[in-house]
Structure formats: C-alpha cells, structure tokens
C-alpha cells in the first residue's frame, strides 16, 4: 500500500492569509489525505480565521484536523482532532472521544512510546502518530527509533500510523518503505506558497519512488 501525505500547516494567531496561500498551493498538488491546522509555538488558533482554513481544506475533499481542541473541531465542523505528544495522552484521548463521539477523527502522537501506542489503539484511536518530540536533542538516533517503531507497528497492527516530523525526502522514503500509512510534512509560516508546494512535491515523489521499488 502506498503511503499518503498528511500536511501539518502551522499558523499564527490573527491573519491567516499566508497560511491560506500555502494551503491552496499545496492542495493543488492533489494526493493529500488530510491537513492538520496547528498553532505555532506560543500561539493559539482563532476560531474565525481557523474556519477559513477548514473551508479551504474541505473544499478539496480533504480531511481537516485541528490540533488539541476538540471543542473547536465541533464548533467549526472540522473532521477531527489531533492530540500532540503529551505524557497524559491516554486521558486526553478519552476526553476528546467523549467530547466528539465516534463520527469525528481522533488521532494522537505518542512520540516514542510503544505502551501508549498499544493502549490508544485498544481505546479506539483512529490513527497513531510516531514523532520526534521537540525536546529530543539527538535527532538522528530518534529518527532511527521512529523508523523501528513504524516498522514494528505496521507489521503487527491494523490501525493506521502517521510518521511525524519528517524533514527530508530521504527520511520520507525510508518511512514509506517501513509501512507508514501516512507521512506528515510540516509547512511553516516562513515558507512561501511556492516553497511549500516544492517541499511537499519532493516528499510525494520520494514516497512514490520508494513504493515503485518496493
């Protein structure tokens, strides 16, 4: 099975015109499974401006997810919530599921925890994410660990897994070969729409090539 693209778009409070331009450029590439709207560090998502992004995403028949705010998901009629990595992930998942019910997507990044991944899978998470938490200093070792986790999960479990914090095409290719169901590419506010589209296109090409040679 070919890995699909999961876009993480980071946006700041207030004017989201830059994020909207990035979104339109990236979504024009097609083959995007879902987009996560996430505030930049130290910021929050404003409902009115976030709604604009949700509408752009859903207009392309792509799932619109919002980070860490199940109430905002419900009020904006987004498709689901993504729970960023936390030591309290199990409790947060149960709260989000109770708030949203079964009709919304509830997925969670478990960082590098096999225990949390299995427990969330048993609890009914729609997907499990393996990422590299920002506090981790040895990123190279963490990337190898992520690859092992993705391979382990894909061999045993049916619940989809997302590979987060993918920084280049080579990493994307390796994760796709390891049976990641989704490869997540982050679009930051500093990127122009053209650079965002170029970055995503390179990752998409790497995934496609890895599957062709599998």
N, C-alpha and C. Protein backbone atom coordinates (compact mmCIF):
# COMPACT_ATOMS: atom_id res chain seq x y z
N UNK A 1 0.82 -1.18 0.00
CA UNK A 1 0.00 0.00 0.00
C UNK A 1 0.87 1.25 0.00
N UNK A 2 0.52 2.23 -0.80
CA UNK A 2 1.29 3.46 -0.89
C UNK A 2 0.98 4.38 0.27
N UNK A 3 2.02 4.91 0.89
CA UNK A 3 1.82 5.88 1.97
C UNK A 3 1.19 7.15 1.41
N UNK A 4 0.34 7.78 2.20
CA UNK A 4 -0.32 9.01 1.78
C UNK A 4 0.27 10.20 2.52
N UNK A 5 0.02 11.39 1.98
CA UNK A 5 0.56 12.60 2.57
C UNK A 5 -0.40 13.20 3.59
N UNK A 6 0.15 13.62 4.69
CA UNK A 6 -0.56 14.27 5.79
C UNK A 6 0.18 15.60 5.98
N UNK A 7 -0.50 16.71 5.75
CA UNK A 7 0.13 18.01 5.83
C UNK A 7 -0.14 18.64 7.19
N UNK A 8 0.90 19.17 7.80
CA UNK A 8 0.76 19.95 9.04
C UNK A 8 1.04 21.40 8.67
N UNK A 9 0.03 22.25 8.80
CA UNK A 9 0.23 23.67 8.49
C UNK A 9 0.22 24.46 9.79
N UNK A 10 1.35 25.10 10.06
CA UNK A 10 1.47 25.90 11.27
C UNK A 10 1.06 27.33 10.98
N UNK A 11 0.19 27.87 11.82
CA UNK A 11 -0.31 29.21 11.58
C UNK A 11 -0.31 30.00 12.88
N UNK A 12 -0.16 31.31 12.77
CA UNK A 12 -0.14 32.19 13.94
C UNK A 12 -1.52 32.81 14.15
N UNK A 13 -1.75 33.31 15.34
CA UNK A 13 -3.00 33.98 15.65
C UNK A 13 -3.16 35.21 14.75
N UNK A 14 -4.39 35.45 14.32
CA UNK A 14 -4.65 36.65 13.52
C UNK A 14 -4.78 36.35 12.05
N UNK A 15 -4.06 37.10 11.24
CA UNK A 15 -4.19 36.99 9.79
C UNK A 15 -3.66 35.64 9.30
N UNK A 16 -4.51 34.90 8.60
CA UNK A 16 -4.10 33.60 8.09
C UNK A 16 -3.98 33.61 6.56
N UNK A 17 -3.89 34.80 5.99
CA UNK A 17 -3.83 34.87 4.53
C UNK A 17 -2.60 34.14 3.99
N UNK A 18 -1.48 34.20 4.73
CA UNK A 18 -0.28 33.49 4.28
C UNK A 18 -0.52 31.98 4.31
N UNK A 19 -1.11 31.50 5.40
CA UNK A 19 -1.41 30.07 5.50
C UNK A 19 -2.40 29.63 4.43
N UNK A 20 -3.35 30.49 4.13
CA UNK A 20 -4.33 30.17 3.10
C UNK A 20 -3.66 30.03 1.74
N UNK A 21 -2.71 30.91 1.45
CA UNK A 21 -1.97 30.81 0.20
C UNK A 21 -1.15 29.54 0.12
N UNK A 22 -0.50 29.18 1.23
CA UNK A 22 0.26 27.93 1.28
C UNK A 22 -0.66 26.74 1.05
N UNK A 23 -1.80 26.75 1.71
CA UNK A 23 -2.74 25.64 1.58
C UNK A 23 -3.18 25.44 0.13
N UNK A 24 -3.56 26.52 -0.51
CA UNK A 24 -4.04 26.41 -1.89
C UNK A 24 -2.95 25.87 -2.81
N UNK A 25 -1.72 26.30 -2.57
CA UNK A 25 -0.61 25.82 -3.41
C UNK A 25 -0.36 24.34 -3.18
N UNK A 26 -0.40 23.91 -1.93
CA UNK A 26 -0.13 22.51 -1.61
C UNK A 26 -1.28 21.60 -2.07
N UNK A 27 -2.51 22.03 -1.84
CA UNK A 27 -3.66 21.21 -2.21
C UNK A 27 -3.81 21.07 -3.72
N UNK A 28 -3.24 21.99 -4.47
CA UNK A 28 -3.28 21.89 -5.93
C UNK A 28 -2.47 20.70 -6.44
N UNK A 29 -1.58 20.17 -5.58
CA UNK A 29 -0.78 19.02 -5.98
C UNK A 29 -1.60 17.73 -6.00
N UNK A 30 -2.75 17.76 -5.33
CA UNK A 30 -3.60 16.57 -5.14
C UNK A 30 -2.87 15.52 -4.30
N UNK A 31 -3.49 14.38 -4.14
CA UNK A 31 -2.91 13.27 -3.38
C UNK A 31 -2.60 13.64 -1.92
N UNK A 32 -3.37 14.57 -1.37
CA UNK A 32 -3.23 14.91 0.04
C UNK A 32 -4.39 14.26 0.79
N UNK A 33 -4.09 13.48 1.82
CA UNK A 33 -5.14 12.77 2.54
C UNK A 33 -5.79 13.64 3.61
N UNK A 34 -4.98 14.41 4.33
CA UNK A 34 -5.52 15.23 5.41
C UNK A 34 -4.57 16.38 5.71
N UNK A 35 -5.13 17.42 6.33
CA UNK A 35 -4.34 18.58 6.73
C UNK A 35 -4.64 18.88 8.19
N UNK A 36 -3.58 19.00 8.98
CA UNK A 36 -3.69 19.37 10.38
C UNK A 36 -3.37 20.85 10.53
N UNK A 37 -4.27 21.60 11.14
CA UNK A 37 -4.05 23.02 11.43
C UNK A 37 -3.51 23.10 12.86
N UNK A 38 -2.30 23.64 12.99
CA UNK A 38 -1.64 23.69 14.30
C UNK A 38 -1.08 25.08 14.55
N UNK A 39 -1.27 25.64 15.74
CA UNK A 39 -0.70 26.96 16.01
C UNK A 39 0.81 26.87 16.18
N UNK A 40 1.50 27.93 15.80
CA UNK A 40 2.94 27.97 16.07
C UNK A 40 3.13 28.02 17.58
N UNK A 41 4.31 27.64 18.02
CA UNK A 41 4.60 27.60 19.46
C UNK A 41 4.32 28.96 20.11
N UNK A 42 3.58 28.93 21.20
CA UNK A 42 3.27 30.15 21.92
C UNK A 42 2.06 30.89 21.39
N UNK A 43 1.40 30.32 20.40
CA UNK A 43 0.24 30.97 19.79
C UNK A 43 -1.00 30.12 20.02
N UNK A 44 -2.15 30.63 19.61
CA UNK A 44 -3.40 29.89 19.68
C UNK A 44 -4.15 30.05 18.37
N UNK A 45 -5.13 29.21 18.15
CA UNK A 45 -5.94 29.29 16.94
C UNK A 45 -7.20 30.11 17.21
N UNK A 46 -7.41 31.13 16.39
CA UNK A 46 -8.61 31.94 16.49
C UNK A 46 -9.72 31.29 15.68
N UNK A 47 -10.91 31.11 16.24
CA UNK A 47 -11.98 30.40 15.53
C UNK A 47 -12.31 30.95 14.15
N UNK A 48 -12.45 32.25 14.01
CA UNK A 48 -12.88 32.83 12.73
C UNK A 48 -11.86 32.58 11.63
N UNK A 49 -10.58 32.77 11.95
CA UNK A 49 -9.56 32.59 10.92
C UNK A 49 -9.29 31.10 10.66
N UNK A 50 -9.41 30.29 11.70
CA UNK A 50 -9.23 28.85 11.51
C UNK A 50 -10.33 28.29 10.61
N UNK A 51 -11.54 28.83 10.74
CA UNK A 51 -12.65 28.39 9.90
C UNK A 51 -12.33 28.61 8.43
N UNK A 52 -11.66 29.69 8.09
CA UNK A 52 -11.28 29.93 6.70
C UNK A 52 -10.40 28.80 6.17
N UNK A 53 -9.46 28.35 7.01
CA UNK A 53 -8.57 27.27 6.59
C UNK A 53 -9.32 25.95 6.47
N UNK A 54 -10.20 25.68 7.42
CA UNK A 54 -11.01 24.46 7.36
C UNK A 54 -11.81 24.43 6.07
N UNK A 55 -12.41 25.55 5.69
CA UNK A 55 -13.22 25.61 4.47
C UNK A 55 -12.38 25.34 3.22
N UNK A 56 -11.17 25.89 3.19
CA UNK A 56 -10.28 25.65 2.04
C UNK A 56 -9.94 24.17 1.94
N UNK A 57 -9.62 23.57 3.05
CA UNK A 57 -9.24 22.14 3.06
C UNK A 57 -10.41 21.27 2.63
N UNK A 58 -11.56 21.48 3.23
CA UNK A 58 -12.72 20.63 2.93
C UNK A 58 -13.25 20.85 1.52
N UNK A 59 -13.00 22.01 0.94
CA UNK A 59 -13.45 22.26 -0.43
C UNK A 59 -12.74 21.36 -1.43
N UNK A 60 -11.59 20.80 -1.02
CA UNK A 60 -10.85 19.87 -1.87
C UNK A 60 -11.09 18.41 -1.47
N UNK A 61 -12.12 18.18 -0.67
CA UNK A 61 -12.47 16.83 -0.19
C UNK A 61 -11.31 16.19 0.58
N UNK A 62 -10.63 17.01 1.36
CA UNK A 62 -9.53 16.57 2.21
C UNK A 62 -9.97 16.74 3.66
N UNK A 63 -9.57 15.80 4.52
CA UNK A 63 -9.94 15.86 5.93
C UNK A 63 -9.22 17.01 6.63
N UNK A 64 -9.98 17.85 7.32
CA UNK A 64 -9.42 18.98 8.07
C UNK A 64 -9.37 18.64 9.55
N UNK A 65 -8.18 18.61 10.10
CA UNK A 65 -7.98 18.29 11.51
C UNK A 65 -7.46 19.52 12.25
N UNK A 66 -7.79 19.63 13.51
CA UNK A 66 -7.35 20.74 14.35
C UNK A 66 -6.59 20.18 15.53
N UNK A 67 -5.49 20.84 15.89
CA UNK A 67 -4.65 20.35 16.98
C UNK A 67 -5.23 20.66 18.34
N UNK A 68 -5.44 19.63 19.15
CA UNK A 68 -5.60 19.73 20.61
C UNK A 68 -6.84 20.48 21.10
N UNK A 69 -7.83 20.69 20.26
CA UNK A 69 -9.01 21.44 20.70
C UNK A 69 -10.27 20.80 20.14
N UNK A 70 -10.79 19.82 20.87
CA UNK A 70 -11.98 19.10 20.40
C UNK A 70 -13.19 20.02 20.31
N UNK A 71 -13.30 20.99 21.23
CA UNK A 71 -14.42 21.92 21.18
C UNK A 71 -14.41 22.75 19.92
N UNK A 72 -13.23 23.19 19.49
CA UNK A 72 -13.11 23.97 18.26
C UNK A 72 -13.44 23.12 17.05
N UNK A 73 -13.05 21.86 17.08
CA UNK A 73 -13.38 20.94 15.99
C UNK A 73 -14.89 20.86 15.82
N UNK A 74 -15.58 20.70 16.91
CA UNK A 74 -17.04 20.57 16.85
C UNK A 74 -17.69 21.87 16.36
N UNK A 75 -17.25 23.01 16.90
CA UNK A 75 -17.90 24.27 16.55
C UNK A 75 -17.63 24.68 15.10
N UNK A 76 -16.48 24.31 14.56
CA UNK A 76 -16.14 24.69 13.19
C UNK A 76 -16.53 23.61 12.17
N UNK A 77 -17.04 22.49 12.67
CA UNK A 77 -17.40 21.36 11.81
C UNK A 77 -16.19 20.86 11.01
N UNK A 78 -15.04 20.82 11.68
CA UNK A 78 -13.86 20.19 11.09
C UNK A 78 -14.07 18.68 11.14
N UNK A 79 -13.10 17.92 10.65
CA UNK A 79 -13.27 16.46 10.56
C UNK A 79 -12.72 15.71 11.76
N UNK A 80 -11.88 16.36 12.54
CA UNK A 80 -11.35 15.65 13.70
C UNK A 80 -10.29 16.44 14.43
N UNK A 81 -9.80 15.84 15.50
CA UNK A 81 -8.78 16.46 16.33
C UNK A 81 -7.52 15.60 16.33
N UNK A 82 -6.37 16.27 16.37
CA UNK A 82 -5.10 15.57 16.55
C UNK A 82 -4.53 15.99 17.88
N UNK A 83 -4.14 15.02 18.69
CA UNK A 83 -3.56 15.28 20.00
C UNK A 83 -2.05 15.25 19.91
N UNK A 84 -1.43 16.40 20.10
CA UNK A 84 0.03 16.49 20.07
C UNK A 84 0.61 15.67 21.22
N UNK A 85 1.88 15.33 21.11
CA UNK A 85 2.51 14.46 22.10
C UNK A 85 2.39 15.04 23.50
N UNK A 86 2.07 14.18 24.45
CA UNK A 86 1.94 14.56 25.86
C UNK A 86 2.13 13.33 26.73
N UNK A 87 2.57 13.54 27.94
CA UNK A 87 2.68 12.43 28.89
C UNK A 87 1.31 11.98 29.38
N UNK A 88 0.29 12.79 29.14
CA UNK A 88 -1.07 12.47 29.58
C UNK A 88 -1.95 12.06 28.41
N UNK A 89 -1.38 11.39 27.44
CA UNK A 89 -2.07 11.16 26.18
C UNK A 89 -3.32 10.29 26.32
N UNK A 90 -3.29 9.29 27.15
CA UNK A 90 -4.43 8.39 27.28
C UNK A 90 -5.64 9.14 27.82
N UNK A 91 -5.43 9.91 28.89
CA UNK A 91 -6.54 10.69 29.47
C UNK A 91 -7.05 11.72 28.48
N UNK A 92 -6.16 12.35 27.74
CA UNK A 92 -6.57 13.36 26.76
C UNK A 92 -7.38 12.72 25.64
N UNK A 93 -6.98 11.54 25.22
CA UNK A 93 -7.73 10.85 24.18
C UNK A 93 -9.15 10.54 24.66
N UNK A 94 -9.28 10.03 25.86
CA UNK A 94 -10.61 9.68 26.38
C UNK A 94 -11.50 10.91 26.47
N UNK A 95 -10.92 12.05 26.88
CA UNK A 95 -11.70 13.29 26.95
C UNK A 95 -12.15 13.73 25.55
N UNK A 96 -11.24 13.65 24.58
CA UNK A 96 -11.58 14.07 23.22
C UNK A 96 -12.65 13.18 22.61
N UNK A 97 -12.54 11.88 22.84
CA UNK A 97 -13.54 10.95 22.29
C UNK A 97 -14.90 11.18 22.95
N UNK A 98 -14.91 11.44 24.24
CA UNK A 98 -16.17 11.71 24.93
C UNK A 98 -16.81 13.00 24.40
N UNK A 99 -15.99 13.97 24.07
CA UNK A 99 -16.49 15.24 23.54
C UNK A 99 -17.02 15.10 22.12
N UNK A 100 -16.32 14.34 21.30
CA UNK A 100 -16.63 14.30 19.87
C UNK A 100 -17.45 13.09 19.43
N UNK A 101 -17.41 12.02 20.21
CA UNK A 101 -18.10 10.82 19.78
C UNK A 101 -17.34 10.09 18.69
N UNK A 102 -18.02 9.18 18.02
CA UNK A 102 -17.36 8.32 17.04
C UNK A 102 -17.35 8.88 15.63
N UNK A 103 -18.12 9.91 15.36
CA UNK A 103 -18.21 10.40 13.98
C UNK A 103 -17.04 11.29 13.58
N UNK A 104 -16.26 11.75 14.56
CA UNK A 104 -15.09 12.57 14.27
C UNK A 104 -13.82 11.72 14.38
N UNK A 105 -12.79 12.16 13.68
CA UNK A 105 -11.48 11.53 13.77
C UNK A 105 -10.80 11.98 15.06
N UNK A 106 -10.24 11.04 15.79
CA UNK A 106 -9.41 11.38 16.95
C UNK A 106 -8.11 10.58 16.81
N UNK A 107 -7.03 11.29 16.54
CA UNK A 107 -5.73 10.66 16.40
C UNK A 107 -4.75 11.26 17.39
N UNK A 108 -3.65 10.57 17.65
CA UNK A 108 -2.73 11.04 18.68
C UNK A 108 -1.29 10.69 18.35
N UNK A 109 -0.40 11.62 18.63
CA UNK A 109 1.04 11.41 18.51
C UNK A 109 1.54 10.83 19.83
N UNK A 110 2.13 9.66 19.78
CA UNK A 110 2.63 9.02 21.01
C UNK A 110 4.14 9.18 21.16
N UNK A 111 4.75 9.98 20.31
CA UNK A 111 6.19 10.17 20.41
C UNK A 111 6.94 8.88 20.13
N UNK A 112 7.56 8.32 21.17
CA UNK A 112 8.33 7.08 21.01
C UNK A 112 7.85 5.98 21.95
N UNK A 113 6.60 6.08 22.39
CA UNK A 113 6.09 5.15 23.40
C UNK A 113 5.29 4.01 22.79
N UNK A 114 5.83 2.81 22.84
CA UNK A 114 5.09 1.63 22.39
C UNK A 114 3.88 1.39 23.29
N UNK A 115 4.07 1.60 24.57
CA UNK A 115 2.98 1.36 25.52
C UNK A 115 1.78 2.26 25.21
N UNK A 116 2.03 3.55 25.03
CA UNK A 116 0.93 4.47 24.72
C UNK A 116 0.29 4.12 23.38
N UNK A 117 1.09 3.72 22.42
CA UNK A 117 0.56 3.36 21.11
C UNK A 117 -0.42 2.19 21.23
N UNK A 118 -0.03 1.15 21.94
CA UNK A 118 -0.90 -0.01 22.09
C UNK A 118 -2.15 0.31 22.90
N UNK A 119 -1.97 1.10 23.95
CA UNK A 119 -3.13 1.45 24.78
C UNK A 119 -4.12 2.33 24.02
N UNK A 120 -3.62 3.27 23.24
CA UNK A 120 -4.50 4.12 22.44
C UNK A 120 -5.18 3.31 21.33
N UNK A 121 -4.45 2.37 20.76
CA UNK A 121 -5.06 1.51 19.76
C UNK A 121 -6.21 0.72 20.34
N UNK A 122 -6.02 0.18 21.52
CA UNK A 122 -7.08 -0.58 22.19
C UNK A 122 -8.25 0.33 22.57
N UNK A 123 -7.97 1.61 22.84
CA UNK A 123 -9.02 2.55 23.24
C UNK A 123 -9.84 3.05 22.06
N UNK A 124 -9.34 2.78 20.85
CA UNK A 124 -10.12 3.17 19.67
C UNK A 124 -9.63 4.38 18.91
N UNK A 125 -8.35 4.74 19.05
CA UNK A 125 -7.82 5.86 18.28
C UNK A 125 -7.93 5.56 16.78
N UNK A 126 -8.21 6.59 16.01
CA UNK A 126 -8.35 6.41 14.56
C UNK A 126 -7.00 6.30 13.87
N UNK A 127 -5.97 6.87 14.47
CA UNK A 127 -4.61 6.66 13.98
C UNK A 127 -3.64 6.93 15.12
N UNK A 128 -2.46 6.36 14.98
CA UNK A 128 -1.37 6.56 15.94
C UNK A 128 -0.25 7.29 15.22
N UNK A 129 0.30 8.29 15.87
CA UNK A 129 1.42 9.01 15.28
C UNK A 129 2.71 8.76 16.04
N UNK A 130 3.78 8.49 15.30
CA UNK A 130 5.11 8.38 15.92
C UNK A 130 5.93 9.57 15.45
N UNK A 131 6.33 10.41 16.39
CA UNK A 131 7.10 11.60 16.03
C UNK A 131 8.39 11.68 16.81
N UNK A 132 9.03 12.83 16.70
CA UNK A 132 10.26 13.09 17.43
C UNK A 132 10.02 14.35 18.25
N UNK A 133 9.66 14.21 19.53
CA UNK A 133 9.34 15.37 20.36
C UNK A 133 10.42 16.44 20.31
N UNK A 134 10.00 17.69 20.41
CA UNK A 134 10.92 18.82 20.23
C UNK A 134 12.04 18.85 21.27
N UNK A 135 11.82 18.25 22.45
CA UNK A 135 12.84 18.29 23.49
C UNK A 135 13.98 17.30 23.24
N UNK A 136 13.83 16.41 22.27
CA UNK A 136 14.85 15.40 21.99
C UNK A 136 16.04 16.06 21.28
N UNK A 137 17.22 15.92 21.85
CA UNK A 137 18.41 16.55 21.28
C UNK A 137 19.08 15.69 20.22
N UNK A 138 19.15 14.39 20.44
CA UNK A 138 19.79 13.50 19.47
C UNK A 138 18.77 13.12 18.40
N UNK A 139 18.62 13.98 17.40
CA UNK A 139 17.58 13.79 16.40
C UNK A 139 17.87 12.59 15.49
N UNK A 140 19.13 12.33 15.24
CA UNK A 140 19.50 11.22 14.36
C UNK A 140 19.12 9.87 14.97
N UNK A 141 19.46 9.69 16.24
CA UNK A 141 19.09 8.45 16.93
C UNK A 141 17.57 8.34 17.04
N UNK A 142 16.91 9.46 17.29
CA UNK A 142 15.45 9.47 17.40
C UNK A 142 14.81 9.08 16.07
N UNK A 143 15.40 9.52 14.97
CA UNK A 143 14.86 9.17 13.66
C UNK A 143 14.97 7.66 13.40
N UNK A 144 16.07 7.07 13.84
CA UNK A 144 16.23 5.62 13.71
C UNK A 144 15.21 4.88 14.57
N UNK A 145 14.98 5.39 15.74
CA UNK A 145 13.98 4.82 16.65
C UNK A 145 12.59 4.92 16.03
N UNK A 146 12.29 6.06 15.43
CA UNK A 146 10.99 6.24 14.78
C UNK A 146 10.80 5.22 13.66
N UNK A 147 11.83 5.00 12.89
CA UNK A 147 11.76 4.04 11.80
C UNK A 147 11.47 2.64 12.33
N UNK A 148 12.12 2.26 13.41
CA UNK A 148 11.88 0.95 14.02
C UNK A 148 10.44 0.83 14.52
N UNK A 149 9.93 1.90 15.12
CA UNK A 149 8.57 1.88 15.65
C UNK A 149 7.54 1.75 14.53
N UNK A 150 7.75 2.48 13.46
CA UNK A 150 6.83 2.40 12.32
C UNK A 150 6.82 0.99 11.75
N UNK A 151 8.00 0.41 11.60
CA UNK A 151 8.11 -0.94 11.05
C UNK A 151 7.42 -1.95 11.97
N UNK A 152 7.65 -1.82 13.27
CA UNK A 152 7.01 -2.70 14.27
C UNK A 152 5.49 -2.58 14.21
N UNK A 153 4.99 -1.36 14.19
CA UNK A 153 3.55 -1.15 14.19
C UNK A 153 2.92 -1.70 12.91
N UNK A 154 3.53 -1.40 11.77
CA UNK A 154 2.96 -1.83 10.50
C UNK A 154 2.91 -3.33 10.33
N UNK A 155 3.82 -4.03 10.99
CA UNK A 155 3.87 -5.48 10.88
C UNK A 155 2.80 -6.17 11.73
N UNK A 156 2.39 -5.52 12.82
CA UNK A 156 1.51 -6.18 13.78
C UNK A 156 0.09 -5.64 13.80
N UNK A 157 -0.07 -4.32 13.65
CA UNK A 157 -1.36 -3.69 13.90
C UNK A 157 -2.03 -3.19 12.62
N UNK A 158 -3.37 -3.11 12.67
CA UNK A 158 -4.16 -2.64 11.53
C UNK A 158 -4.48 -1.16 11.59
N UNK A 159 -4.45 -0.56 12.77
CA UNK A 159 -4.75 0.87 12.90
C UNK A 159 -3.68 1.67 12.17
N UNK A 160 -4.07 2.64 11.35
CA UNK A 160 -3.09 3.42 10.58
C UNK A 160 -2.10 4.15 11.48
N UNK A 161 -0.89 4.32 10.97
CA UNK A 161 0.11 5.10 11.69
C UNK A 161 0.61 6.25 10.82
N UNK A 162 0.93 7.35 11.48
CA UNK A 162 1.43 8.55 10.82
C UNK A 162 2.86 8.79 11.29
N UNK A 163 3.75 9.04 10.35
CA UNK A 163 5.13 9.40 10.69
C UNK A 163 5.24 10.92 10.70
N UNK A 164 5.43 11.49 11.90
CA UNK A 164 5.54 12.94 12.03
C UNK A 164 6.99 13.40 12.02
N UNK A 165 7.16 14.72 11.89
CA UNK A 165 8.48 15.36 11.98
C UNK A 165 9.43 14.87 10.88
N UNK A 166 8.87 14.66 9.69
CA UNK A 166 9.68 14.24 8.53
C UNK A 166 10.32 15.49 7.93
N UNK A 167 11.64 15.47 7.80
CA UNK A 167 12.33 16.71 7.41
C UNK A 167 12.92 16.68 6.00
N UNK A 168 12.95 15.52 5.36
CA UNK A 168 13.51 15.49 4.01
C UNK A 168 12.97 14.28 3.24
N UNK A 169 13.25 14.27 1.94
CA UNK A 169 12.74 13.21 1.07
C UNK A 169 13.31 11.84 1.42
N UNK A 170 14.58 11.80 1.81
CA UNK A 170 15.19 10.52 2.17
C UNK A 170 14.51 9.89 3.37
N UNK A 171 14.21 10.70 4.36
CA UNK A 171 13.51 10.21 5.54
C UNK A 171 12.11 9.73 5.17
N UNK A 172 11.42 10.48 4.32
CA UNK A 172 10.08 10.10 3.87
C UNK A 172 10.10 8.76 3.15
N UNK A 173 11.08 8.57 2.29
CA UNK A 173 11.20 7.33 1.53
C UNK A 173 11.41 6.14 2.46
N UNK A 174 12.29 6.29 3.45
CA UNK A 174 12.57 5.20 4.38
C UNK A 174 11.34 4.86 5.21
N UNK A 175 10.60 5.86 5.64
CA UNK A 175 9.40 5.63 6.44
C UNK A 175 8.30 4.97 5.63
N UNK A 176 8.18 5.35 4.37
CA UNK A 176 7.19 4.71 3.50
C UNK A 176 7.53 3.23 3.30
N UNK A 177 8.80 2.94 3.12
CA UNK A 177 9.23 1.55 2.97
C UNK A 177 8.98 0.74 4.24
N UNK A 178 9.00 1.43 5.39
CA UNK A 178 8.76 0.77 6.67
C UNK A 178 7.27 0.61 6.96
N UNK A 179 6.43 0.93 5.99
CA UNK A 179 4.97 0.74 6.07
C UNK A 179 4.24 1.82 6.85
N UNK A 180 4.76 3.05 6.86
CA UNK A 180 3.96 4.16 7.40
C UNK A 180 2.75 4.34 6.49
N UNK A 181 1.58 4.49 7.08
CA UNK A 181 0.38 4.72 6.29
C UNK A 181 0.31 6.16 5.79
N UNK A 182 0.82 7.08 6.61
CA UNK A 182 0.84 8.50 6.26
C UNK A 182 2.20 9.08 6.62
N UNK A 183 2.69 9.96 5.76
CA UNK A 183 3.93 10.69 6.04
C UNK A 183 3.55 12.16 6.20
N UNK A 184 3.89 12.73 7.34
CA UNK A 184 3.49 14.09 7.66
C UNK A 184 4.58 15.09 7.30
N UNK A 185 4.20 16.11 6.54
CA UNK A 185 5.11 17.17 6.13
C UNK A 185 4.63 18.48 6.75
N UNK A 186 5.51 19.18 7.43
CA UNK A 186 5.13 20.43 8.10
C UNK A 186 5.42 21.63 7.21
N UNK A 187 4.42 22.50 7.08
CA UNK A 187 4.55 23.76 6.35
C UNK A 187 4.58 24.87 7.39
N UNK A 188 5.69 25.60 7.46
CA UNK A 188 5.85 26.64 8.47
C UNK A 188 5.48 28.01 7.90
N UNK A 189 5.19 28.98 8.77
CA UNK A 189 4.84 30.32 8.28
C UNK A 189 5.92 30.97 7.43
N UNK A 190 7.18 30.56 7.63
CA UNK A 190 8.27 31.19 6.89
C UNK A 190 8.30 30.78 5.42
N UNK A 191 7.61 29.71 5.06
CA UNK A 191 7.63 29.22 3.68
C UNK A 191 6.71 30.04 2.78
N UNK A 192 7.19 30.36 1.60
CA UNK A 192 6.31 30.94 0.59
C UNK A 192 5.41 29.83 0.05
N UNK A 193 4.30 30.18 -0.59
CA UNK A 193 3.46 29.14 -1.19
C UNK A 193 4.24 28.27 -2.17
N UNK A 194 5.15 28.89 -2.91
CA UNK A 194 5.94 28.14 -3.90
C UNK A 194 6.87 27.15 -3.21
N UNK A 195 7.52 27.59 -2.13
CA UNK A 195 8.43 26.69 -1.40
C UNK A 195 7.65 25.58 -0.72
N UNK A 196 6.50 25.91 -0.17
CA UNK A 196 5.67 24.89 0.47
C UNK A 196 5.28 23.81 -0.54
N UNK A 197 4.83 24.23 -1.72
CA UNK A 197 4.44 23.27 -2.75
C UNK A 197 5.63 22.45 -3.22
N UNK A 198 6.79 23.07 -3.36
CA UNK A 198 8.00 22.37 -3.80
C UNK A 198 8.42 21.32 -2.77
N UNK A 199 8.38 21.68 -1.50
CA UNK A 199 8.76 20.76 -0.43
C UNK A 199 7.84 19.55 -0.40
N UNK A 200 6.54 19.81 -0.48
CA UNK A 200 5.57 18.72 -0.46
C UNK A 200 5.71 17.84 -1.70
N UNK A 201 5.93 18.45 -2.85
CA UNK A 201 6.08 17.69 -4.10
C UNK A 201 7.30 16.77 -4.04
N UNK A 202 8.38 17.23 -3.43
CA UNK A 202 9.58 16.40 -3.32
C UNK A 202 9.33 15.20 -2.41
N UNK A 203 8.61 15.42 -1.32
CA UNK A 203 8.28 14.31 -0.42
C UNK A 203 7.37 13.32 -1.13
N UNK A 204 6.38 13.84 -1.85
CA UNK A 204 5.45 12.98 -2.59
C UNK A 204 6.18 12.13 -3.62
N UNK A 205 7.13 12.74 -4.32
CA UNK A 205 7.90 12.00 -5.32
C UNK A 205 8.74 10.91 -4.67
N UNK A 206 9.32 11.22 -3.51
CA UNK A 206 10.15 10.23 -2.81
C UNK A 206 9.32 9.05 -2.35
N UNK A 207 8.11 9.33 -1.87
CA UNK A 207 7.22 8.25 -1.44
C UNK A 207 6.84 7.37 -2.63
N UNK A 208 6.48 8.00 -3.72
CA UNK A 208 6.06 7.25 -4.91
C UNK A 208 7.20 6.39 -5.44
N UNK A 209 8.41 6.94 -5.42
CA UNK A 209 9.56 6.19 -5.93
C UNK A 209 9.88 5.01 -5.02
N UNK A 210 9.75 5.22 -3.71
CA UNK A 210 10.05 4.13 -2.79
C UNK A 210 9.07 2.98 -2.97
N UNK A 211 7.82 3.30 -3.25
CA UNK A 211 6.81 2.26 -3.45
C UNK A 211 7.05 1.53 -4.77
N UNK A 212 7.52 2.26 -5.77
CA UNK A 212 7.77 1.64 -7.08
C UNK A 212 8.89 0.62 -7.02
N UNK A 213 9.82 0.82 -6.08
CA UNK A 213 10.97 -0.08 -5.95
C UNK A 213 10.82 -1.06 -4.79
N UNK A 214 9.64 -1.07 -4.17
CA UNK A 214 9.43 -1.95 -3.02
C UNK A 214 9.34 -3.41 -3.49
